[in-house]
Every structure is written in C-alpha cells, then in structure tokens.
PDB file of N, CA and C in Angstrom:
ATOM      1  N   MET A   1       8.600  17.125  -8.393  1.00  0.00           N
ATOM      2  CA  MET A   1       7.698  17.514  -7.515  1.00  0.00           C
ATOM      3  C   MET A   1       7.552  17.209  -6.319  1.00  0.00           C
ATOM      4  N   THR A   2       7.582  17.775  -5.513  1.00  0.00           N
ATOM      5  CA  THR A   2       7.275  17.176  -3.883  1.00  0.00           C
ATOM      6  C   THR A   2       6.269  16.579  -3.726  1.00  0.00           C
ATOM      7  N   GLY A   3       6.671  15.774  -2.190  1.00  0.00           N
ATOM      8  CA  GLY A   3       5.066  14.855  -2.258  1.00  0.00           C
ATOM      9  C   GLY A   3       4.075  15.702  -1.788  1.00  0.00           C
ATOM     10  N   ALA A   4       4.493  17.290  -1.461  1.00  0.00           N
ATOM     11  CA  ALA A   4       3.509  17.909  -0.719  1.00  0.00           C
ATOM     12  C   ALA A   4       3.165  18.736  -2.238  1.00  0.00           C
ATOM     13  N   SER A   5       3.121  18.961  -2.983  1.00  0.00           N
ATOM     14  CA  SER A   5       3.115  19.402  -4.055  1.00  0.00           C
ATOM     15  C   SER A   5       1.995  18.635  -4.729  1.00  0.00           C
ATOM     16  N   ILE A   6       2.219  17.585  -4.658  1.00  0.00           N
ATOM     17  CA  ILE A   6       1.874  16.179  -4.915  1.00  0.00           C
ATOM     18  C   ILE A   6       0.099  16.326  -4.939  1.00  0.00           C
ATOM     19  N   LEU A   7       0.416  15.723  -3.344  1.00  0.00           N
ATOM     20  CA  LEU A   7      -0.978  15.988  -2.500  1.00  0.00           C
ATOM     21  C   LEU A   7      -1.758  17.678  -2.302  1.00  0.00           C
ATOM     22  N   GLY A   8      -1.199  18.565  -3.025  1.00  0.00           N
ATOM     23  CA  GLY A   8      -2.049  19.738  -3.131  1.00  0.00           C
ATOM     24  C   GLY A   8      -2.734  20.093  -5.033  1.00  0.00           C
ATOM     25  N   ALA A   9      -1.653  19.059  -5.572  1.00  0.00           N
ATOM     26  CA  ALA A   9      -2.608  18.859  -7.034  1.00  0.00           C
ATOM     27  C   ALA A   9      -3.762  17.872  -7.572  1.00  0.00           C
ATOM     28  N   SER A  10      -3.091  16.997  -6.385  1.00  0.00           N
ATOM     29  CA  SER A  10      -4.225  15.712  -6.443  1.00  0.00           C
ATOM     30  C   SER A  10      -5.372  16.234  -5.495  1.00  0.00           C
ATOM     31  N   ARG A  11      -6.525  15.458  -6.187  1.00  0.00           N
ATOM     32  CA  ARG A  11      -7.737  15.403  -5.433  1.00  0.00           C
ATOM     33  C   ARG A  11      -7.885  14.303  -4.433  1.00  0.00           C
ATOM     34  N   PHE A  12      -6.507  13.512  -3.951  1.00  0.00           N
ATOM     35  CA  PHE A  12      -6.282  12.627  -3.098  1.00  0.00           C
ATOM     36  C   PHE A  12      -6.055  12.767  -1.842  1.00  0.00           C
ATOM     37  N   SER A  13      -6.700  12.585  -0.688  1.00  0.00           N
ATOM     38  CA  SER A  13      -6.149  12.744   0.674  1.00  0.00           C
ATOM     39  C   SER A  13      -4.830  11.979   0.603  1.00  0.00           C
ATOM     40  N   SER A  14      -5.038  10.277   0.608  1.00  0.00           N
ATOM     41  CA  SER A  14      -4.457   9.740   0.897  1.00  0.00           C
ATOM     42  C   SER A  14      -4.412   8.456   0.822  1.00  0.00           C
ATOM     43  N   PRO A  15      -3.600   7.393  -0.043  1.00  0.00           N
ATOM     44  CA  PRO A  15      -4.283   6.259  -0.024  1.00  0.00           C
ATOM     45  C   PRO A  15      -3.761   5.500   1.055  1.00  0.00           C
ATOM     46  N   GLY A  16      -5.011   4.297   1.371  1.00  0.00           N
ATOM     47  CA  GLY A  16      -4.629   3.631   3.174  1.00  0.00           C
ATOM     48  C   GLY A  16      -4.742   1.870   2.254  1.00  0.00           C
ATOM     49  N   THR A  17      -3.906   1.393   3.420  1.00  0.00           N
ATOM     50  CA  THR A  17      -3.824  -0.276   3.326  1.00  0.00           C
ATOM     51  C   THR A  17      -5.062  -0.644   4.324  1.00  0.00           C
ATOM     52  N   THR A  18      -5.136  -1.871   4.259  1.00  0.00           N
ATOM     53  CA  THR A  18      -6.084  -2.437   5.299  1.00  0.00           C
ATOM     54  C   THR A  18      -5.641  -3.874   5.643  1.00  0.00           C
ATOM     55  N   PHE A  19      -4.945  -4.180   6.665  1.00  0.00           N
ATOM     56  CA  PHE A  19      -4.134  -5.540   7.337  1.00  0.00           C
ATOM     57  C   PHE A  19      -5.116  -6.090   7.829  1.00  0.00           C
ATOM     58  N   ARG A  20      -5.781  -7.408   7.670  1.00  0.00           N
ATOM     59  CA  ARG A  20      -5.898  -8.105   8.741  1.00  0.00           C
ATOM     60  C   ARG A  20      -5.002  -9.365   8.966  1.00  0.00           C
ATOM     61  N   GLY A  21      -4.599  -8.707  10.832  1.00  0.00           N
ATOM     62  CA  GLY A  21      -3.859  -9.612  11.183  1.00  0.00           C
ATOM     63  C   GLY A  21      -4.490 -11.208  11.918  1.00  0.00           C
ATOM     64  N   ASP A  22      -3.260 -12.326  11.968  1.00  0.00           N
ATOM     65  CA  ASP A  22      -4.494 -13.039  12.630  1.00  0.00           C
ATOM     66  C   ASP A  22      -4.690 -13.322  14.372  1.00  0.00           C
ATOM     67  N   GLY A  23      -4.555 -12.595  15.008  1.00  0.00           N
ATOM     68  CA  GLY A  23      -4.439 -12.256  16.509  1.00  0.00           C
ATOM     69  C   GLY A  23      -3.181 -12.056  17.298  1.00  0.00           C
ATOM     70  N   PHE A  24      -2.514 -12.031  16.625  1.00  0.00           N
ATOM     71  CA  PHE A  24      -1.488 -11.616  16.771  1.00  0.00           C
ATOM     72  C   PHE A  24      -0.510  -9.987  16.197  1.00  0.00           C
ATOM     73  N   GLU A  25       0.025  -9.423  17.297  1.00  0.00           N
ATOM     74  CA  GLU A  25       0.610  -8.327  17.044  1.00  0.00           C
ATOM     75  C   GLU A  25       1.339  -7.955  15.946  1.00  0.00           C
ATOM     76  N   THR A  26       1.901  -8.858  15.354  1.00  0.00           N
ATOM     77  CA  THR A  26       3.194  -9.090  14.030  1.00  0.00           C
ATOM     78  C   THR A  26       2.455 -10.278  13.408  1.00  0.00           C
ATOM     79  N   PRO A  27       2.134 -10.060  11.854  1.00  0.00           N
ATOM     80  CA  PRO A  27       1.997 -11.381  11.201  1.00  0.00           C
ATOM     81  C   PRO A  27       3.356 -12.304  11.168  1.00  0.00           C
ATOM     82  N   ALA A  28       3.006 -14.082  10.476  1.00  0.00           N
ATOM     83  CA  ALA A  28       3.824 -15.199  10.662  1.00  0.00           C
ATOM     84  C   ALA A  28       4.644 -14.141   9.217  1.00  0.00           C
ATOM     85  N   ALA A  29       6.317 -15.241   9.577  1.00  0.00           N
ATOM     86  CA  ALA A  29       6.778 -14.871   8.287  1.00  0.00           C
ATOM     87  C   ALA A  29       6.838 -16.048   6.979  1.00  0.00           C
ATOM     88  N   THR A  30       5.414 -15.349   6.432  1.00  0.00           N
ATOM     89  CA  THR A  30       4.952 -16.272   5.361  1.00  0.00           C
ATOM     90  C   THR A  30       4.892 -15.557   3.688  1.00  0.00           C
ATOM     91  N   ASP A  31       4.485 -16.640   2.534  1.00  0.00           N
ATOM     92  CA  ASP A  31       4.240 -16.081   1.434  1.00  0.00           C
ATOM     93  C   ASP A  31       2.557 -15.735   1.460  1.00  0.00           C
ATOM     94  N   GLY A  32       2.267 -14.781   1.227  1.00  0.00           N
ATOM     95  CA  GLY A  32       0.687 -14.911   0.450  1.00  0.00           C
ATOM     96  C   GLY A  32      -0.171 -13.948   1.057  1.00  0.00           C
ATOM     97  N   ARG A  33       0.960 -12.958   2.326  1.00  0.00           N
ATOM     98  CA  ARG A  33       0.098 -11.823   3.095  1.00  0.00           C
ATOM     99  C   ARG A  33      -1.050 -11.231   2.319  1.00  0.00           C
ATOM    100  N   HIS A  34      -2.137 -10.848   2.546  1.00  0.00           N
ATOM    101  CA  HIS A  34      -3.066  -9.995   1.826  1.00  0.00           C
ATOM    102  C   HIS A  34      -3.078  -8.818   2.883  1.00  0.00           C
ATOM    103  N   ILE A  35      -3.131  -7.292   1.684  1.00  0.00           N
ATOM    104  CA  ILE A  35      -3.359  -6.363   2.210  1.00  0.00           C
ATOM    105  C   ILE A  35      -3.804  -5.390   1.301  1.00  0.00           C
ATOM    106  N   GLY A  36      -5.139  -4.930   1.514  1.00  0.00           N
ATOM    107  CA  GLY A  36      -6.156  -4.411   1.230  1.00  0.00           C
ATOM    108  C   GLY A  36      -5.774  -2.929   0.639  1.00  0.00           C
ATOM    109  N   LEU A  37      -6.369  -2.482  -0.758  1.00  0.00           N
ATOM    110  CA  LEU A  37      -5.668  -1.307  -1.156  1.00  0.00           C
ATOM    111  C   LEU A  37      -7.149  -0.189  -1.540  1.00  0.00           C
ATOM    112  N   THR A  38      -6.760   0.729  -0.644  1.00  0.00           N
ATOM    113  CA  THR A  38      -8.252   2.069  -1.077  1.00  0.00           C
ATOM    114  C   THR A  38      -7.146   3.077  -1.247  1.00  0.00           C
ATOM    115  N   ALA A  39      -8.455   4.359  -1.865  1.00  0.00           N
ATOM    116  CA  ALA A  39      -7.741   5.577  -1.735  1.00  0.00           C
ATOM    117  C   ALA A  39      -9.022   6.653  -1.346  1.00  0.00           C
ATOM    118  N   THR A  40      -9.047   7.483  -0.700  1.00  0.00           N
ATOM    119  CA  THR A  40     -10.045   8.470  -0.140  1.00  0.00           C
ATOM    120  C   THR A  40      -9.602   9.783  -1.269  1.00  0.00           C
ATOM    121  N   GLY A  41     -10.551  10.899  -1.516  1.00  0.00           N
ATOM    122  CA  GLY A  41     -10.338  12.088  -1.770  1.00  0.00           C
ATOM    123  C   GLY A  41     -10.849  12.789  -0.338  1.00  0.00           C
ATOM    124  N   HIS A  42      -9.911  14.545  -0.659  1.00  0.00           N
ATOM    125  CA  HIS A  42     -10.060  15.119   0.166  1.00  0.00           C
ATOM    126  C   HIS A  42     -11.218  16.261  -0.058  1.00  0.00           C
ATOM    127  N   ALA A  43     -11.923  16.490   0.617  1.00  0.00           N
ATOM    128  CA  ALA A  43     -12.915  18.171   0.745  1.00  0.00           C
ATOM    129  C   ALA A  43     -13.852  17.522   0.115  1.00  0.00           C
ATOM    130  N   GLY A  44     -14.132  15.955   0.099  1.00  0.00           N
ATOM    131  CA  GLY A  44     -15.674  15.937  -0.135  1.00  0.00           C
ATOM    132  C   GLY A  44     -15.313  14.905  -1.435  1.00  0.00           C
ATOM    133  N   HIS A  45     -14.221  15.015  -2.057  1.00  0.00           N
ATOM    134  CA  HIS A  45     -14.497  14.331  -3.418  1.00  0.00           C
ATOM    135  C   HIS A  45     -13.865  13.127  -3.458  1.00  0.00           C
ATOM    136  N   ILE A  46     -14.838  12.186  -4.544  1.00  0.00           N
ATOM    137  CA  ILE A  46     -14.598  10.829  -4.490  1.00  0.00           C
ATOM    138  C   ILE A  46     -13.671  10.464  -5.966  1.00  0.00           C
ATOM    139  N   PRO A  47     -12.416   9.825  -5.764  1.00  0.00           N
ATOM    140  CA  PRO A  47     -11.955   9.535  -6.476  1.00  0.00           C
ATOM    141  C   PRO A  47     -12.695   8.778  -7.734  1.00  0.00           C
ATOM    142  N   VAL A  48     -12.073   9.010  -9.242  1.00  0.00           N
ATOM    143  CA  VAL A  48     -12.964   8.197 -10.253  1.00  0.00           C
ATOM    144  C   VAL A  48     -11.845   6.614  -9.935  1.00  0.00           C
ATOM    145  N   ALA A  49     -12.280   5.982 -10.368  1.00  0.00           N
ATOM    146  CA  ALA A  49     -11.691   4.400 -10.815  1.00  0.00           C
ATOM    147  C   ALA A  49     -10.299   4.401 -10.852  1.00  0.00           C
ATOM    148  N   LEU A  50      -9.801   3.646  -9.503  1.00  0.00           N
ATOM    149  CA  LEU A  50      -8.171   3.057  -9.671  1.00  0.00           C
ATOM    150  C   LEU A  50      -7.711   2.711 -10.793  1.00  0.00           C
ATOM    151  N   THR A  51      -6.357   2.910 -11.754  1.00  0.00           N
ATOM    152  CA  THR A  51      -6.402   2.301 -12.738  1.00  0.00           C
ATOM    153  C   THR A  51      -5.651   1.041 -11.546  1.00  0.00           C
ATOM    154  N   PRO A  52      -4.800   0.339 -11.818  1.00  0.00           N
ATOM    155  CA  PRO A  52      -3.619  -0.690 -11.226  1.00  0.00           C
ATOM    156  C   PRO A  52      -3.004  -0.180 -10.327  1.00  0.00           C
ATOM    157  N   ALA A  53      -3.209   0.048  -8.707  1.00  0.00           N
ATOM    158  CA  ALA A  53      -2.544   0.284  -8.171  1.00  0.00           C
ATOM    159  C   ALA A  53      -1.368  -0.412  -7.786  1.00  0.00           C
ATOM    160  N   GLY A  54      -0.087   0.357  -7.150  1.00  0.00           N
ATOM    161  CA  GLY A  54       1.126  -0.353  -6.855  1.00  0.00           C
ATOM    162  C   GLY A  54       1.851  -0.142  -5.982  1.00  0.00           C
ATOM    163  N   LEU A  55       1.623  -1.517  -5.108  1.00  0.00           N
ATOM    164  CA  LEU A  55       1.855  -1.349  -3.790  1.00  0.00           C
ATOM    165  C   LEU A  55       3.658  -2.140  -3.985  1.00  0.00           C
ATOM    166  N   SER A  56       4.415  -1.765  -3.222  1.00  0.00           N
ATOM    167  CA  SER A  56       5.874  -2.512  -3.337  1.00  0.00           C
ATOM    168  C   SER A  56       5.570  -2.173  -1.389  1.00  0.00           C
ATOM    169  N   SER A  57       7.011  -3.648  -1.140  1.00  0.00           N
ATOM    170  CA  SER A  57       7.138  -4.266   0.379  1.00  0.00           C
ATOM    171  C   SER A  57       8.409  -4.199   0.403  1.00  0.00           C
ATOM    172  N   SER A  58       8.964  -4.036   1.618  1.00  0.00           N
ATOM    173  CA  SER A  58      10.699  -3.590   1.521  1.00  0.00           C
ATOM    174  C   SER A  58      10.994  -4.075   2.962  1.00  0.00           C
ATOM    175  N   HIS A  59      12.059  -4.878   3.061  1.00  0.00           N
ATOM    176  CA  HIS A  59      12.562  -5.270   4.643  1.00  0.00           C
ATOM    177  C   HIS A  59      13.776  -5.007   5.125  1.00  0.00           C
ATOM    178  N   ASP A  60      14.242  -3.616   4.673  1.00  0.00           N
ATOM    179  CA  ASP A  60      15.346  -3.651   4.600  1.00  0.00           C
ATOM    180  C   ASP A  60      15.337  -1.619   4.859  1.00  0.00           C
ATOM    181  N   GLY A  61      13.583  -1.210   5.251  1.00  0.00           N
ATOM    182  CA  GLY A  61      13.513   0.158   5.605  1.00  0.00           C
ATOM    183  C   GLY A  61      13.757   0.760   4.106  1.00  0.00           C
ATOM    184  N   GLY A  62      13.291  -0.039   3.296  1.00  0.00           N
ATOM    185  CA  GLY A  62      12.878   0.817   1.837  1.00  0.00           C
ATOM    186  C   GLY A  62      14.227   0.741   0.705  1.00  0.00           C
ATOM    187  N   THR A  63      15.302   0.363   1.175  1.00  0.00           N
ATOM    188  CA  THR A  63      16.510   0.398  -0.428  1.00  0.00           C
ATOM    189  C   THR A  63      16.355  -0.559  -0.914  1.00  0.00           C
ATOM    190  N   ASN A  64      15.512  -1.717  -0.631  1.00  0.00           N
ATOM    191  CA  ASN A  64      15.586  -2.811  -1.916  1.00  0.00           C
ATOM    192  C   ASN A  64      13.483  -3.162  -1.769  1.00  0.00           C
ATOM    193  N   ARG A  65      12.699  -3.020  -2.940  1.00  0.00           N
ATOM    194  CA  ARG A  65      11.592  -3.241  -2.854  1.00  0.00           C
ATOM    195  C   ARG A  65      11.259  -4.123  -3.379  1.00  0.00           C
ATOM    196  N   THR A  66      10.303  -5.084  -3.357  1.00  0.00           N
ATOM    197  CA  THR A  66       9.384  -6.117  -4.286  1.00  0.00           C
ATOM    198  C   THR A  66       8.037  -5.507  -4.130  1.00  0.00           C
ATOM    199  N   GLY A  67       7.952  -5.651  -5.816  1.00  0.00           N
ATOM    200  CA  GLY A  67       6.428  -5.575  -5.962  1.00  0.00           C
ATOM    201  C   GLY A  67       5.710  -6.575  -5.709  1.00  0.00           C
ATOM    202  N   ALA A  68       4.118  -5.855  -4.906  1.00  0.00           N
ATOM    203  CA  ALA A  68       3.109  -6.692  -4.812  1.00  0.00           C
ATOM    204  C   ALA A  68       1.971  -7.017  -5.942  1.00  0.00           C
ATOM    205  N   ARG A  69       1.665  -8.093  -5.823  1.00  0.00           N
ATOM    206  CA  ARG A  69       1.004  -8.845  -6.985  1.00  0.00           C
ATOM    207  C   ARG A  69      -0.935  -8.211  -6.386  1.00  0.00           C
ATOM    208  N   VAL A  70      -1.130  -7.447  -7.783  1.00  0.00           N
ATOM    209  CA  VAL A  70      -2.391  -6.495  -7.032  1.00  0.00           C
ATOM    210  C   VAL A  70      -3.401  -7.532  -7.745  1.00  0.00           C
ATOM    211  N   SER A  71      -4.386  -7.776  -7.068  1.00  0.00           N
ATOM    212  CA  SER A  71      -5.788  -8.368  -8.107  1.00  0.00           C
ATOM    213  C   SER A  71      -7.093  -7.616  -7.386  1.00  0.00           C
ATOM    214  N   GLN A  72      -7.790  -7.609  -8.624  1.00  0.00           N
ATOM    215  CA  GLN A  72      -8.858  -7.195  -8.376  1.00  0.00           C
ATOM    216  C   GLN A  72     -10.783  -8.128  -7.948  1.00  0.00           C
ATOM    217  N   GLN A  73     -11.914  -7.707  -7.295  1.00  0.00           N
ATOM    218  CA  GLN A  73     -12.483  -8.712  -7.315  1.00  0.00           C
ATOM    219  C   GLN A  73     -13.421  -7.843  -6.916  1.00  0.00           C
ATOM    220  N   GLY A  74     -14.755  -7.587  -7.540  1.00  0.00           N
ATOM    221  CA  GLY A  74     -15.843  -6.727  -6.904  1.00  0.00           C
ATOM    222  C   GLY A  74     -15.417  -5.607  -6.486  1.00  0.00           C
ATOM    223  N   GLY A  75     -14.228  -5.080  -7.379  1.00  0.00           N
ATOM    224  CA  GLY A  75     -14.770  -3.211  -7.103  1.00  0.00           C
ATOM    225  C   GLY A  75     -13.463  -3.552  -6.219  1.00  0.00           C
ATOM    226  N   ARG A  76     -13.199  -4.329  -5.257  1.00  0.00           N
ATOM    227  CA  ARG A  76     -12.041  -4.407  -3.864  1.00  0.00           C
ATOM    228  C   ARG A  76     -10.962  -4.391  -4.632  1.00  0.00           C
ATOM    229  N   ARG A  77      -9.668  -3.923  -4.462  1.00  0.00           N
ATOM    230  CA  ARG A  77      -8.152  -4.416  -4.682  1.00  0.00           C
ATOM    231  C   ARG A  77      -7.593  -4.665  -3.474  1.00  0.00           C
ATOM    232  N   THR A  78      -6.392  -5.758  -3.402  1.00  0.00           N
ATOM    233  CA  THR A  78      -5.957  -6.551  -2.806  1.00  0.00           C
ATOM    234  C   THR A  78      -4.510  -6.854  -3.099  1.00  0.00           C
ATOM    235  N   ALA A  79      -3.325  -6.904  -2.686  1.00  0.00           N
ATOM    236  CA  ALA A  79      -2.196  -6.666  -2.748  1.00  0.00           C
ATOM    237  C   ALA A  79      -1.407  -8.217  -1.725  1.00  0.00           C
ATOM    238  N   THR A  80      -1.064  -8.737  -2.634  1.00  0.00           N
ATOM    239  CA  THR A  80      -0.287  -9.981  -2.278  1.00  0.00           C
ATOM    240  C   THR A  80       1.222  -9.414  -1.935  1.00  0.00           C
ATOM    241  N   VAL A  81       1.478  -9.822  -0.361  1.00  0.00           N
ATOM    242  CA  VAL A  81       2.736  -9.800  -0.856  1.00  0.00           C
ATOM    243  C   VAL A  81       3.601 -10.784   0.219  1.00  0.00           C
ATOM    244  N   ASN A  82       4.940 -11.180   0.022  1.00  0.00           N
ATOM    245  CA  ASN A  82       5.892 -11.905   0.546  1.00  0.00           C
ATOM    246  C   ASN A  82       6.625 -11.565   1.441  1.00  0.00           C
ATOM    247  N   HIS A  83       6.736 -12.330   2.673  1.00  0.00           N
ATOM    248  CA  HIS A  83       7.355 -12.203   3.983  1.00  0.00           C
ATOM    249  C   HIS A  83       7.669 -13.590   4.417  1.00  0.00           C
ATOM    250  N   ALA A  84       8.111 -14.442   3.307  1.00  0.00           N
ATOM    251  CA  ALA A  84       8.720 -15.965   3.965  1.00  0.00           C
ATOM    252  C   ALA A  84      10.001 -15.472   4.757  1.00  0.00           C
ATOM    253  N   ASP A  85      10.957 -14.847   3.915  1.00  0.00           N
ATOM    254  CA  ASP A  85      12.434 -14.930   4.694  1.00  0.00           C
ATOM    255  C   ASP A  85      12.812 -13.359   5.196  1.00  0.00           C
ATOM    256  N   ALA A  86      11.365 -12.880   6.387  1.00  0.00           N
ATOM    257  CA  ALA A  86      11.882 -11.805   6.858  1.00  0.00           C
ATOM    258  C   ALA A  86      11.403 -11.707   8.019  1.00  0.00           C
ATOM    259  N   THR A  87      11.950 -12.995   8.899  1.00  0.00           N
ATOM    260  CA  THR A  87      11.248 -13.258   9.603  1.00  0.00           C
ATOM    261  C   THR A  87      12.424 -12.228  11.014  1.00  0.00           C
ATOM    262  N   GLY A  88      11.953 -11.472  12.162  1.00  0.00           N
ATOM    263  CA  GLY A  88      12.064 -10.594  12.701  1.00  0.00           C
ATOM    264  C   GLY A  88      11.954  -9.153  12.174  1.00  0.00           C
ATOM    265  N   ARG A  89      11.594  -8.896  11.194  1.00  0.00           N
ATOM    266  CA  ARG A  89      12.601  -7.852  10.468  1.00  0.00           C
ATOM    267  C   ARG A  89      11.041  -7.018  10.256  1.00  0.00           C
ATOM    268  N   GLN A  90      11.374  -5.285  10.115  1.00  0.00           N
ATOM    269  CA  GLN A  90      10.392  -4.427  10.095  1.00  0.00           C
ATOM    270  C   GLN A  90      10.163  -4.497   8.660  1.00  0.00           C
ATOM    271  N   VAL A  91       8.256  -4.354   8.535  1.00  0.00           N
ATOM    272  CA  VAL A  91       8.221  -4.257   6.801  1.00  0.00           C
ATOM    273  C   VAL A  91       7.903  -2.709   6.854  1.00  0.00           C
ATOM    274  N   THR A  92       8.426  -2.014   5.377  1.00  0.00           N
ATOM    275  CA  THR A  92       8.269  -0.798   4.858  1.00  0.00           C
ATOM    276  C   THR A  92       7.621  -1.098   3.613  1.00  0.00           C
ATOM    277  N   LEU A  93       6.121  -0.262   3.252  1.00  0.00           N
ATOM    278  CA  LEU A  93       5.126  -0.038   2.308  1.00  0.00           C
ATOM    279  C   LEU A  93       5.252   0.934   1.902  1.00  0.00           C
ATOM    280  N   LYS A  94       4.820   1.164   0.578  1.00  0.00           N
ATOM    281  CA  LYS A  94       5.131   2.123  -0.527  1.00  0.00           C
ATOM    282  C   LYS A  94       3.657   1.927  -1.789  1.00  0.00           C
ATOM    283  N   SER A  95       2.322   2.911  -1.619  1.00  0.00           N
ATOM    284  CA  SER A  95       1.651   2.709  -1.924  1.00  0.00           C
ATOM    285  C   SER A  95       1.624   3.876  -2.938  1.00  0.00           C
ATOM    286  N   GLU A  96       1.142   3.714  -4.309  1.00  0.00           N
ATOM    287  CA  GLU A  96       1.241   4.769  -5.156  1.00  0.00           C
ATOM    288  C   GLU A  96      -0.049   4.399  -6.303  1.00  0.00           C
ATOM    289  N   PRO A  97      -0.954   4.817  -5.685  1.00  0.00           N
ATOM    290  CA  PRO A  97      -2.629   4.711  -6.133  1.00  0.00           C
ATOM    291  C   PRO A  97      -2.252   5.794  -7.165  1.00  0.00           C
ATOM    292  N   THR A  98      -3.772   5.877  -8.431  1.00  0.00           N
ATOM    293  CA  THR A  98      -3.802   6.321 -10.001  1.00  0.00           C
ATOM    294  C   THR A  98      -5.066   6.423 -10.429  1.00  0.00           C
ATOM    295  N   ASP A  99      -5.509   7.398 -10.441  1.00  0.00           N
ATOM    296  CA  ASP A  99      -7.351   7.086 -10.939  1.00  0.00           C
ATOM    297  C   ASP A  99      -7.077   7.054 -12.408  1.00  0.00           C
ATOM    298  N   ALA A 100      -8.306   7.197 -12.887  1.00  0.00           N
ATOM    299  CA  ALA A 100      -8.635   7.464 -14.050  1.00  0.00           C
ATOM    300  C   ALA A 100      -8.406   8.863 -14.829  1.00  0.00           C
ATOM    301  N   ARG A 101      -8.495   9.602 -13.952  1.00  0.00           N
ATOM    302  CA  ARG A 101      -7.679  10.821 -14.628  1.00  0.00           C
ATOM    303  C   ARG A 101      -5.622  11.249 -14.643  1.00  0.00           C
ATOM    304  N   ASP A 102      -5.298   9.990 -14.426  1.00  0.00           N
ATOM    305  CA  ASP A 102      -4.040  10.035 -14.317  1.00  0.00           C
ATOM    306  C   ASP A 102      -3.725  10.845 -12.959  1.00  0.00           C
ATOM    307  N   GLU A 103      -4.216  11.373 -11.799  1.00  0.00           N
ATOM    308  CA  GLU A 103      -4.174  11.566 -10.824  1.00  0.00           C
ATOM    309  C   GLU A 103      -3.551  11.084  -9.731  1.00  0.00           C
ATOM    310  N   SER A 104      -2.218  10.845  -8.872  1.00  0.00           N
ATOM    311  CA  SER A 104      -1.615  10.100  -8.459  1.00  0.00           C
ATOM    312  C   SER A 104      -1.051  10.509  -7.047  1.00  0.00           C
ATOM    313  N   VAL A 105      -0.849   9.669  -6.290  1.00  0.00           N
ATOM    314  CA  VAL A 105      -0.010  10.215  -4.993  1.00  0.00           C
ATOM    315  C   VAL A 105       0.928   9.037  -4.251  1.00  0.00           C
ATOM    316  N   THR A 106       2.086   9.074  -3.903  1.00  0.00           N
ATOM    317  CA  THR A 106       2.599   8.141  -3.160  1.00  0.00           C
ATOM    318  C   THR A 106       2.814   8.511  -1.792  1.00  0.00           C
ATOM    319  N   GLN A 107       2.470   7.112  -1.147  1.00  0.00           N
ATOM    320  CA  GLN A 107       2.524   7.109   0.349  1.00  0.00           C
ATOM    321  C   GLN A 107       3.586   5.894   0.936  1.00  0.00           C
ATOM    322  N   ILE A 108       4.731   6.362   1.179  1.00  0.00           N
ATOM    323  CA  ILE A 108       5.675   5.701   2.370  1.00  0.00           C
ATOM    324  C   ILE A 108       5.740   4.984   3.685  1.00  0.00           C
ATOM    325  N   VAL A 109       5.152   4.326   4.116  1.00  0.00           N
ATOM    326  CA  VAL A 109       5.173   4.259   5.734  1.00  0.00           C
ATOM    327  C   VAL A 109       6.064   3.464   5.981  1.00  0.00           C
ATOM    328  N   VAL A 110       7.008   3.868   7.167  1.00  0.00           N
ATOM    329  CA  VAL A 110       8.098   2.803   7.772  1.00  0.00           C
ATOM    330  C   VAL A 110       8.007   2.309   9.168  1.00  0.00           C
ATOM    331  N   ARG A 111       8.330   1.052   8.835  1.00  0.00           N
ATOM    332  CA  ARG A 111       7.589  -0.060   9.950  1.00  0.00           C
ATOM    333  C   ARG A 111       6.303   0.215  10.300  1.00  0.00           C
ATOM    334  N   ALA A 112       5.431  -0.193   8.816  1.00  0.00           N
ATOM    335  CA  ALA A 112       3.817  -0.499   8.630  1.00  0.00           C
ATOM    336  C   ALA A 112       3.341  -2.006   9.666  1.00  0.00           C
ATOM    337  N   TYR A 113       4.457  -2.636  10.043  1.00  0.00           N
ATOM    338  CA  TYR A 113       4.319  -3.671  11.026  1.00  0.00           C
ATOM    339  C   TYR A 113       5.788  -4.843  10.790  1.00  0.00           C
ATOM    340  N   ASP A 114       5.995  -5.538  12.086  1.00  0.00           N
ATOM    341  CA  ASP A 114       7.158  -6.434  12.330  1.00  0.00           C
ATOM    342  C   ASP A 114       6.506  -7.402  11.965  1.00  0.00           C
ATOM    343  N   VAL A 115       7.266  -8.719  11.369  1.00  0.00           N
ATOM    344  CA  VAL A 115       6.918  -9.623  11.416  1.00  0.00           C
ATOM    345  C   VAL A 115       8.058 -10.767  12.044  1.00  0.00           C
ATOM    346  N   ARG A 116       6.828 -12.000  12.698  1.00  0.00           N
ATOM    347  CA  ARG A 116       7.674 -12.688  13.363  1.00  0.00           C
ATOM    348  C   ARG A 116       8.166 -13.819  12.972  1.00  0.00           C
TER     349      ARG A 116
END
C-alpha cells in the first residue's frame, strides 16, 4: 500500500509531533530530548485510543534509525530521543501511530530540525 492509499483508507489525517526548544533555533546535542506525539482525524473524525505509537529518529537522512522510548502520562504520549552524538547534523523523524481499530499512518519528516 502506498502512503496515499493508507491515508485514504485511514481515519487519520496526520500524526503530529511537538517539540519544545530551549530558546535557540536548534536543540543542543544531548540525550533525553522530549517530543510530544499526537494524532488527529480527518473530516471531523476523532481517532480512538492510540496503541503504543512508534517514533524513530535518524541523523543520516533516514538510512539508519534509532527507536525512541515512548511513555504515556495522563493521556499524553512523549518520545525521548538521543542526540548526544549528533552535533551539526539534521534530524529525520518517522512517526507511526496506530489506533485501537488497528488503523495507522506513517509520516516521515526530513530535516525536522538541526542539532547544534
């Protein structure tokens, strides 16, 4: 199935990520960077509960990926990524949320942000 047909068959419009910076345009190269995970529905659909959402990050354009640790607290999911060895590199994020109906979508964001 192609990305377009997955979106057509799924009730997701897109997964989303939120990133809280430290006042600079690029985050520092450290472990423990937190990224919020969300998903919204299209055409007024509200997705049912998400099963463990997957997020991976890459510092080489997606060739090699590292899975993020995902935690949930109070209905909010947060991925924790490691950028300790990524000084001066671009980060690619791949998000793969699935809901309780087993509907899913994959989103890849190339150069989501740069690491300083």
